[in-house]
C-alpha atoms as a PDB file:
ATOM      1  CA  MET A   1       0.000   0.000   0.000  1.00  0.00           C
ATOM      2  CA  ARG A   2       2.802   2.367   0.918  1.00  0.00           C
ATOM      3  CA  ASN A   3       4.623   1.661  -2.380  1.00  0.00           C
ATOM      4  CA  ALA A   4       1.431   2.223  -4.360  1.00  0.00           C
ATOM      5  CA  MET A   5       0.940   5.583  -2.619  1.00  0.00           C
ATOM      6  CA  CYS A   6       4.543   6.523  -3.462  1.00  0.00           C
ATOM      7  CA  ILE A   7       3.975   5.726  -7.140  1.00  0.00           C
ATOM      8  CA  GLY A   8       0.775   7.742  -7.215  1.00  0.00           C
ATOM      9  CA  ALA A   9       2.409  10.710  -5.516  1.00  0.00           C
ATOM     10  CA  ALA A  10       5.365  10.575  -7.907  1.00  0.00           C
ATOM     11  CA  VAL A  11       3.152  10.540 -11.004  1.00  0.00           C
ATOM     12  CA  VAL A  12       1.044  13.438  -9.712  1.00  0.00           C
ATOM     13  CA  PHE A  13       4.143  15.470  -8.842  1.00  0.00           C
ATOM     14  CA  LEU A  14       5.805  14.918 -12.206  1.00  0.00           C
ATOM     15  CA  ALA A  15       2.669  15.499 -14.226  1.00  0.00           C
ATOM     16  CA  GLY A  16       2.223  18.870 -12.577  1.00  0.00           C
ATOM     17  CA  SER A  17       5.834  19.940 -12.674  1.00  0.00           C
ATOM     18  CA  GLY A  18       6.235  20.181 -16.465  1.00  0.00           C
ATOM     19  CA  TRP A  19       9.668  18.559 -16.138  1.00  0.00           C
ATOM     20  CA  VAL A  20      11.190  17.474 -19.439  1.00  0.00           C
ATOM     21  CA  ALA A  21      14.470  15.575 -19.874  1.00  0.00           C
ATOM     22  CA  GLY A  22      16.567  15.224 -22.995  1.00  0.00           C
ATOM     23  CA  ALA A  23      18.155  11.835 -23.707  1.00  0.00           C
ATOM     24  CA  ASP A  24      21.953  11.602 -23.928  1.00  0.00           C
ATOM     25  CA  VAL A  25      23.193   9.803 -27.035  1.00  0.00           C
ATOM     26  CA  ILE A  26      26.741   9.484 -28.358  1.00  0.00           C
ATOM     27  CA  GLU A  27      27.018  11.155 -31.718  1.00  0.00           C
ATOM     28  CA  PRO A  28      30.208  11.808 -33.712  1.00  0.00           C
ATOM     29  CA  GLY A  29      31.350  15.364 -33.080  1.00  0.00           C
ATOM     30  CA  ALA A  30      29.749  15.624 -29.639  1.00  0.00           C
ATOM     31  CA  PRO A  31      32.285  17.265 -27.290  1.00  0.00           C
ATOM     32  CA  ALA A  32      30.996  16.068 -23.926  1.00  0.00           C
ATOM     33  CA  THR A  33      31.114  12.630 -22.360  1.00  0.00           C
ATOM     34  CA  VAL A  34      27.890  10.670 -22.026  1.00  0.00           C
ATOM     35  CA  VAL A  35      26.959   8.485 -19.066  1.00  0.00           C
ATOM     36  CA  TYR A  36      25.959   4.897 -19.841  1.00  0.00           C
ATOM     37  CA  TYR A  37      23.930   2.852 -17.354  1.00  0.00           C
ATOM     38  CA  LEU A  38      24.115  -0.927 -16.979  1.00  0.00           C
ATOM     39  CA  ARG A  39      20.588  -2.288 -17.018  1.00  0.00           C
ATOM     40  CA  SER A  40      18.613  -5.513 -16.772  1.00  0.00           C
ATOM     41  CA  GLY A  41      20.476  -8.380 -18.441  1.00  0.00           C
ATOM     42  CA  SER A  42      23.945  -7.254 -17.288  1.00  0.00           C
ATOM     43  CA  THR A  43      25.540 -10.115 -15.349  1.00  0.00           C
ATOM     44  CA  GLU A  44      28.760 -11.438 -13.829  1.00  0.00           C
ATOM     45  CA  ARG A  45      29.877 -15.087 -13.958  1.00  0.00           C
ATOM     46  CA  GLU A  46      33.121 -16.630 -12.756  1.00  0.00           C
ATOM     47  CA  GLY A  47      34.861 -19.992 -12.629  1.00  0.00           C
ATOM     48  CA  CYS A  48      36.590 -22.460 -14.957  1.00  0.00           C
ATOM     49  CA  PHE A  49      35.043 -22.044 -18.389  1.00  0.00           C
ATOM     50  CA  PRO A  50      35.672 -24.356 -21.366  1.00  0.00           C
ATOM     51  CA  PRO A  51      38.088 -25.427 -22.693  1.00  0.00           C
ATOM     52  CA  ASP A  52      39.852 -25.473 -19.295  1.00  0.00           C
ATOM     53  CA  LEU A  53      36.951 -27.173 -17.554  1.00  0.00           C
ATOM     54  CA  GLY A  54      36.685 -29.772 -20.296  1.00  0.00           C
ATOM     55  CA  ASP A  55      40.323 -30.865 -20.326  1.00  0.00           C
ATOM     56  CA  GLY A  56      40.477 -31.497 -16.596  1.00  0.00           C
ATOM     57  CA  THR A  57      43.252 -28.996 -15.818  1.00  0.00           C
ATOM     58  CA  CYS A  58      41.100 -26.802 -13.602  1.00  0.00           C
ATOM     59  CA  GLY A  59      37.789 -28.290 -12.563  1.00  0.00           C
ATOM     60  CA  CYS A  60      36.460 -25.400 -10.475  1.00  0.00           C
ATOM     61  CA  PRO A  61      32.708 -24.796 -10.776  1.00  0.00           C
ATOM     62  CA  VAL A  62      31.176 -21.925 -12.703  1.00  0.00           C
ATOM     63  CA  ARG A  63      28.978 -19.702 -10.575  1.00  0.00           C
ATOM     64  CA  GLY A  64      27.167 -16.516 -11.269  1.00  0.00           C
ATOM     65  CA  GLY A  65      24.502 -14.973 -13.358  1.00  0.00           C
ATOM     66  CA  PHE A  66      24.682 -12.298 -10.667  1.00  0.00           C
ATOM     67  CA  ASP A  67      23.187  -8.914 -11.543  1.00  0.00           C
ATOM     68  CA  LEU A  68      25.863  -6.441 -12.664  1.00  0.00           C
ATOM     69  CA  ARG A  69      25.144  -2.739 -12.182  1.00  0.00           C
ATOM     70  CA  GLY A  70      27.014   0.540 -12.560  1.00  0.00           C
ATOM     71  CA  THR A  71      27.968   3.240 -15.038  1.00  0.00           C
ATOM     72  CA  PHE A  72      30.713   4.339 -17.400  1.00  0.00           C
ATOM     73  CA  ARG A  73      31.302   7.472 -19.461  1.00  0.00           C
ATOM     74  CA  VAL A  74      31.873   7.584 -23.231  1.00  0.00           C
ATOM     75  CA  ALA A  75      33.495  10.348 -25.316  1.00  0.00           C
ATOM     76  CA  VAL A  76      33.803  10.479 -29.107  1.00  0.00           C
ATOM     77  CA  ASN A  77      37.252  10.404 -30.723  1.00  0.00           C
ATOM     78  CA  ALA A  78      38.190  11.264 -34.285  1.00  0.00           C
ATOM     79  CA  PRO A  79      36.807   8.705 -36.768  1.00  0.00           C
ATOM     80  CA  THR A  80      39.126   6.245 -38.511  1.00  0.00           C
ATOM     81  CA  THR A  81      38.661   4.443 -41.819  1.00  0.00           C
ATOM     82  CA  GLY A  82      35.668   2.143 -41.473  1.00  0.00           C
ATOM     83  CA  SER A  83      35.120   2.696 -37.761  1.00  0.00           C
ATOM     84  CA  GLN A  84      34.432   5.191 -34.996  1.00  0.00           C
ATOM     85  CA  MET A  85      36.519   5.215 -31.815  1.00  0.00           C
ATOM     86  CA  TYR A  86      35.307   6.226 -28.345  1.00  0.00           C
ATOM     87  CA  THR A  87      37.132   6.693 -25.062  1.00  0.00           C
ATOM     88  CA  VAL A  88      35.577   4.973 -22.049  1.00  0.00           C
ATOM     89  CA  THR A  89      36.303   6.517 -18.633  1.00  0.00           C
ATOM     90  CA  SER A  90      35.083   6.321 -15.044  1.00  0.00           C
ATOM     91  CA  ALA A  91      33.803   2.759 -15.334  1.00  0.00           C
ATOM     92  CA  HIS A  92      32.445   1.703 -11.965  1.00  0.00           C
ATOM     93  CA  LEU A  93      30.659  -1.641 -12.047  1.00  0.00           C
ATOM     94  CA  ARG A  94      29.417  -3.629  -9.076  1.00  0.00           C
ATOM     95  CA  VAL A  95      27.897  -7.004  -8.232  1.00  0.00           C
ATOM     96  CA  PRO A  96      25.604  -6.294  -5.255  1.00  0.00           C
ATOM     97  CA  ALA A  97      24.935  -9.972  -4.472  1.00  0.00           C
ATOM     98  CA  ILE A  98      28.600 -10.723  -3.660  1.00  0.00           C
ATOM     99  CA  GLY A  99      29.963  -7.229  -3.008  1.00  0.00           C
ATOM    100  CA  ARG A 100      32.369  -7.292  -5.953  1.00  0.00           C
ATOM    101  CA  THR A 101      33.404  -4.085  -7.725  1.00  0.00           C
ATOM    102  CA  PHE A 102      35.243  -3.234 -10.952  1.00  0.00           C
ATOM    103  CA  ASP A 103      36.821   0.161 -11.699  1.00  0.00           C
ATOM    104  CA  GLY A 104      38.739   1.410 -14.714  1.00  0.00           C
ATOM    105  CA  ASP A 105      38.639   2.745 -18.260  1.00  0.00           C
ATOM    106  CA  GLY A 106      39.268   1.715 -21.846  1.00  0.00           C
ATOM    107  CA  ARG A 107      37.887   2.157 -25.350  1.00  0.00           C
ATOM    108  CA  TYR A 108      34.936   1.257 -27.551  1.00  0.00           C
ATOM    109  CA  GLN A 109      35.155   0.840 -31.320  1.00  0.00           C
ATOM    110  CA  SER A 110      32.117   0.592 -33.587  1.00  0.00           C
ATOM    111  CA  SER A 111      32.023  -0.349 -37.246  1.00  0.00           C
ATOM    112  CA  ASN A 112      30.840   2.175 -39.830  1.00  0.00           C
ATOM    113  CA  VAL A 113      29.796  -0.561 -42.237  1.00  0.00           C
ATOM    114  CA  ALA A 114      26.885  -3.014 -42.138  1.00  0.00           C
ATOM    115  CA  PRO A 115      26.130  -5.099 -40.208  1.00  0.00           C
ATOM    116  CA  PRO A 116      26.609  -3.021 -37.018  1.00  0.00           C
ATOM    117  CA  SER A 117      29.366  -4.421 -34.812  1.00  0.00           C
ATOM    118  CA  GLY A 118      31.967  -3.237 -32.388  1.00  0.00           C
ATOM    119  CA  ARG A 119      34.443  -4.026 -29.662  1.00  0.00           C
ATOM    120  CA  LEU A 120      34.686  -2.954 -26.024  1.00  0.00           C
ATOM    121  CA  ASP A 121      38.036  -3.192 -24.188  1.00  0.00           C
ATOM    122  CA  LEU A 122      38.436  -2.182 -20.539  1.00  0.00           C
ATOM    123  CA  ASN A 123      41.342  -2.156 -18.080  1.00  0.00           C
ATOM    124  CA  MET A 124      39.833  -2.551 -14.623  1.00  0.00           C
ATOM    125  CA  THR A 125      40.806  -3.435 -11.113  1.00  0.00           C
ATOM    126  CA  PHE A 126      38.390  -5.622  -9.175  1.00  0.00           C
ATOM    127  CA  ASP A 127      37.489  -5.415  -5.489  1.00  0.00           C
ATOM    128  CA  ARG A 128      39.866  -2.426  -5.261  1.00  0.00           C
ATOM    129  CA  THR A 129      42.887  -4.768  -5.033  1.00  0.00           C
ATOM    130  CA  GLY A 130      44.965  -2.515  -7.275  1.00  0.00           C
ATOM    131  CA  GLU A 131      45.631  -5.353  -9.729  1.00  0.00           C
ATOM    132  CA  VAL A 132      44.664  -4.241 -13.244  1.00  0.00           C
ATOM    133  CA  VAL A 133      42.944  -6.871 -15.388  1.00  0.00           C
ATOM    134  CA  ARG A 134      42.310  -6.435 -19.117  1.00  0.00           C
ATOM    135  CA  TRP A 135      38.836  -7.312 -20.354  1.00  0.00           C
ATOM    136  CA  ASN A 136      38.062  -7.826 -24.033  1.00  0.00           C
ATOM    137  CA  SER A 137      34.893  -8.422 -26.032  1.00  0.00           C
ATOM    138  CA  ASP A 138      34.618 -10.013 -29.439  1.00  0.00           C
ATOM    139  CA  SER A 139      33.443  -7.996 -32.433  1.00  0.00           C
ATOM    140  CA  SER A 140      29.846  -9.188 -32.442  1.00  0.00           C
ATOM    141  CA  GLY A 141      26.702  -8.198 -30.610  1.00  0.00           C
ATOM    142  CA  VAL A 142      27.553  -4.547 -30.000  1.00  0.00           C
ATOM    143  CA  VAL A 143      24.741  -2.275 -31.156  1.00  0.00           C
ATOM    144  CA  SER A 144      25.045   1.354 -32.237  1.00  0.00           C
ATOM    145  CA  SER A 145      24.160   4.322 -29.997  1.00  0.00           C
ATOM    146  CA  PRO A 146      22.365   4.653 -27.646  1.00  0.00           C
ATOM    147  CA  VAL A 147      23.001   1.008 -26.643  1.00  0.00           C
ATOM    148  CA  VAL A 148      26.239  -0.860 -25.932  1.00  0.00           C
ATOM    149  CA  ARG A 149      26.082  -4.648 -25.696  1.00  0.00           C
ATOM    150  CA  ALA A 150      29.175  -6.763 -25.141  1.00  0.00           C
ATOM    151  CA  THR A 151      30.464  -9.856 -23.380  1.00  0.00           C
ATOM    152  CA  LEU A 152      33.779  -9.115 -21.687  1.00  0.00           C
ATOM    153  CA  VAL A 153      36.172 -11.910 -20.747  1.00  0.00           C
ATOM    154  CA  SER A 154      39.236 -11.541 -18.523  1.00  0.00           C
ATOM    155  CA  ALA A 155      42.641 -12.818 -19.695  1.00  0.00           C
ATOM    156  CA  PRO A 156      42.639 -16.595 -20.350  1.00  0.00           C
ATOM    157  CA  ALA A 157      43.412 -18.596 -17.219  1.00  0.00           C
ATOM    158  CA  CYS A 158      42.010 -21.466 -15.199  1.00  0.00           C
ATOM    159  CA  PHE A 159      39.782 -18.999 -13.340  1.00  0.00           C
ATOM    160  CA  ASN A 160      38.021 -16.410 -15.482  1.00  0.00           C
ATOM    161  CA  MET A 161      35.339 -13.812 -15.007  1.00  0.00           C
ATOM    162  CA  VAL A 162      32.780 -13.020 -17.718  1.00  0.00           C
ATOM    163  CA  LEU A 163      30.883  -9.717 -17.687  1.00  0.00           C
ATOM    164  CA  THR A 164      27.785  -9.367 -19.855  1.00  0.00           C
ATOM    165  CA  ILE A 165      27.218  -5.672 -20.554  1.00  0.00           C
ATOM    166  CA  ARG A 166      23.789  -4.289 -21.458  1.00  0.00           C
ATOM    167  CA  ALA A 167      24.199  -0.516 -21.228  1.00  0.00           C
ATOM    168  CA  THR A 168      22.233   2.471 -22.450  1.00  0.00           C
ATOM    169  CA  SER A 169      22.637   6.238 -22.354  1.00  0.00           C
ATOM    170  CA  LEU A 170      18.876   6.614 -21.828  1.00  0.00           C
ATOM    171  CA  LEU A 171      18.300   6.515 -18.067  1.00  0.00           C
ATOM    172  CA  SER A 172      14.714   5.273 -18.467  1.00  0.00           C
ATOM    173  CA  ASP A 173      15.565   2.621 -21.095  1.00  0.00           C
ATOM    174  CA  TRP A 174      15.371  -0.072 -18.418  1.00  0.00           C
ATOM    175  CA  ASN A 175      15.660  -3.040 -20.796  1.00  0.00           C
ATOM    176  CA  ALA A 176      18.528  -1.409 -22.741  1.00  0.00           C
ATOM    177  CA  ASP A 177      17.018  -1.864 -26.198  1.00  0.00           C
ATOM    178  CA  GLY A 178      17.592   1.735 -27.302  1.00  0.00           C
ATOM    179  CA  GLN A 179      13.970   2.830 -26.943  1.00  0.00           C
ATOM    180  CA  VAL A 180      11.856   4.219 -24.111  1.00  0.00           C
ATOM    181  CA  THR A 181       8.469   2.484 -24.010  1.00  0.00           C
ATOM    182  CA  VAL A 182       5.755   1.388 -21.603  1.00  0.00           C
ATOM    183  CA  GLY A 183       7.648  -1.896 -21.338  1.00  0.00           C
ATOM    184  CA  ASP A 184      10.512  -0.057 -19.613  1.00  0.00           C
ATOM    185  CA  LEU A 185       8.089   1.393 -17.080  1.00  0.00           C
ATOM    186  CA  PHE A 186       6.601  -1.995 -16.211  1.00  0.00           C
ATOM    187  CA  LEU A 187      10.029  -3.645 -15.996  1.00  0.00           C
ATOM    188  CA  PHE A 188      11.367  -0.869 -13.768  1.00  0.00           C
ATOM    189  CA  LEU A 189       8.372  -1.084 -11.414  1.00  0.00           C
ATOM    190  CA  LYS A 190       8.728  -4.867 -11.220  1.00  0.00           C
ATOM    191  CA  GLU A 191      12.399  -4.595 -10.292  1.00  0.00           C
ATOM    192  CA  TRP A 192      11.855  -1.596  -8.000  1.00  0.00           C
ATOM    193  CA  PHE A 193       9.296  -3.554  -5.968  1.00  0.00           C
ATOM    194  CA  ALA A 194      11.838  -6.410  -5.823  1.00  0.00           C
ATOM    195  CA  GLY A 195      14.505  -4.034  -4.469  1.00  0.00           C
ATOM    196  CA  ASP A 196      16.509  -3.726  -7.694  1.00  0.00           C
ATOM    197  CA  GLY A 197      15.362  -0.343  -8.988  1.00  0.00           C
ATOM    198  CA  ASP A 198      18.462   1.776  -8.361  1.00  0.00           C
ATOM    199  CA  ALA A 199      17.772   4.354 -11.096  1.00  0.00           C
ATOM    200  CA  ASP A 200      20.241   6.948  -9.777  1.00  0.00           C
ATOM    201  CA  ASP A 201      22.966   4.300  -9.357  1.00  0.00           C
ATOM    202  CA  ASN A 202      23.933   5.162  -5.784  1.00  0.00           C
ATOM    203  CA  GLY A 203      23.898   1.557  -4.607  1.00  0.00           C
ATOM    204  CA  ALA A 204      20.475   1.598  -2.932  1.00  0.00           C
ATOM    205  CA  THR A 205      16.864   1.307  -4.089  1.00  0.00           C
ATOM    206  CA  THR A 206      14.733   4.035  -2.523  1.00  0.00           C
ATOM    207  CA  VAL A 207      11.654   6.160  -3.236  1.00  0.00           C
ATOM    208  CA  GLN A 208      14.004   8.722  -4.818  1.00  0.00           C
ATOM    209  CA  ASP A 209      14.802   6.174  -7.546  1.00  0.00           C
ATOM    210  CA  LEU A 210      11.115   6.071  -8.398  1.00  0.00           C
ATOM    211  CA  PHE A 211      11.045   9.856  -8.879  1.00  0.00           C
ATOM    212  CA  THR A 212      14.311   9.779 -10.848  1.00  0.00           C
ATOM    213  CA  PHE A 213      13.065   7.096 -13.231  1.00  0.00           C
ATOM    214  CA  LEU A 214       9.642   8.641 -13.777  1.00  0.00           C
ATOM    215  CA  ARG A 215      11.149  12.077 -14.514  1.00  0.00           C
ATOM    216  CA  ALA A 216      13.380  10.577 -17.193  1.00  0.00           C
ATOM    217  CA  TRP A 217      10.680   8.282 -18.592  1.00  0.00           C
ATOM    218  CA  MET A 218       8.093  11.042 -18.917  1.00  0.00           C
ATOM    219  CA  GLY A 219      10.647  13.326 -20.533  1.00  0.00           C
ATOM    220  CA  ALA A 220      11.843  10.750 -23.075  1.00  0.00           C
ATOM    221  CA  ALA A 221       8.599   8.894 -23.854  1.00  0.00           C
END
């Protein structure tokens, strides 16, 4: 009942405020950096992945599918032949379920030719140990702005970590498909009620996240 009252109050407040938000999108020539938000579908897995697990040299179990959350910033660089380069800074990713964190920077490269593809490379420390680990994605599955999709794998070893990135520059694009629709609203509310609606990315799900999401959704929809 209390949550329903909060939702009603938020909608009434925003409808009367006339608040409008513009959506951040990376475009060639844009001077400023753009914040990207990890959304539903971003996960962390770790353990002994094939082929190591299959040849018997490691044998540790794979665990995970943990929700991965956080943000990173993207800035446009000068284009090169056949591709567009971006600088990635201030990456701060976290796995709330196990308290793991990743911090660092890197680059993102997208293809200028069809079909759309790209590559995301990050140098990040994890759990603030100070040890820098390089993470690379392959050249498939990365979609053009305003969505970045990639599967990052740490350097080959017996024990690896795999980060699935589903990120968007649209704060209210909760399913990270590049569009703001009613589906995003329903998905956000479902996850907010379940305690995973941290729209402002401060590490906690509160009533303020409801206001933050609804402001952005009403401005972008």
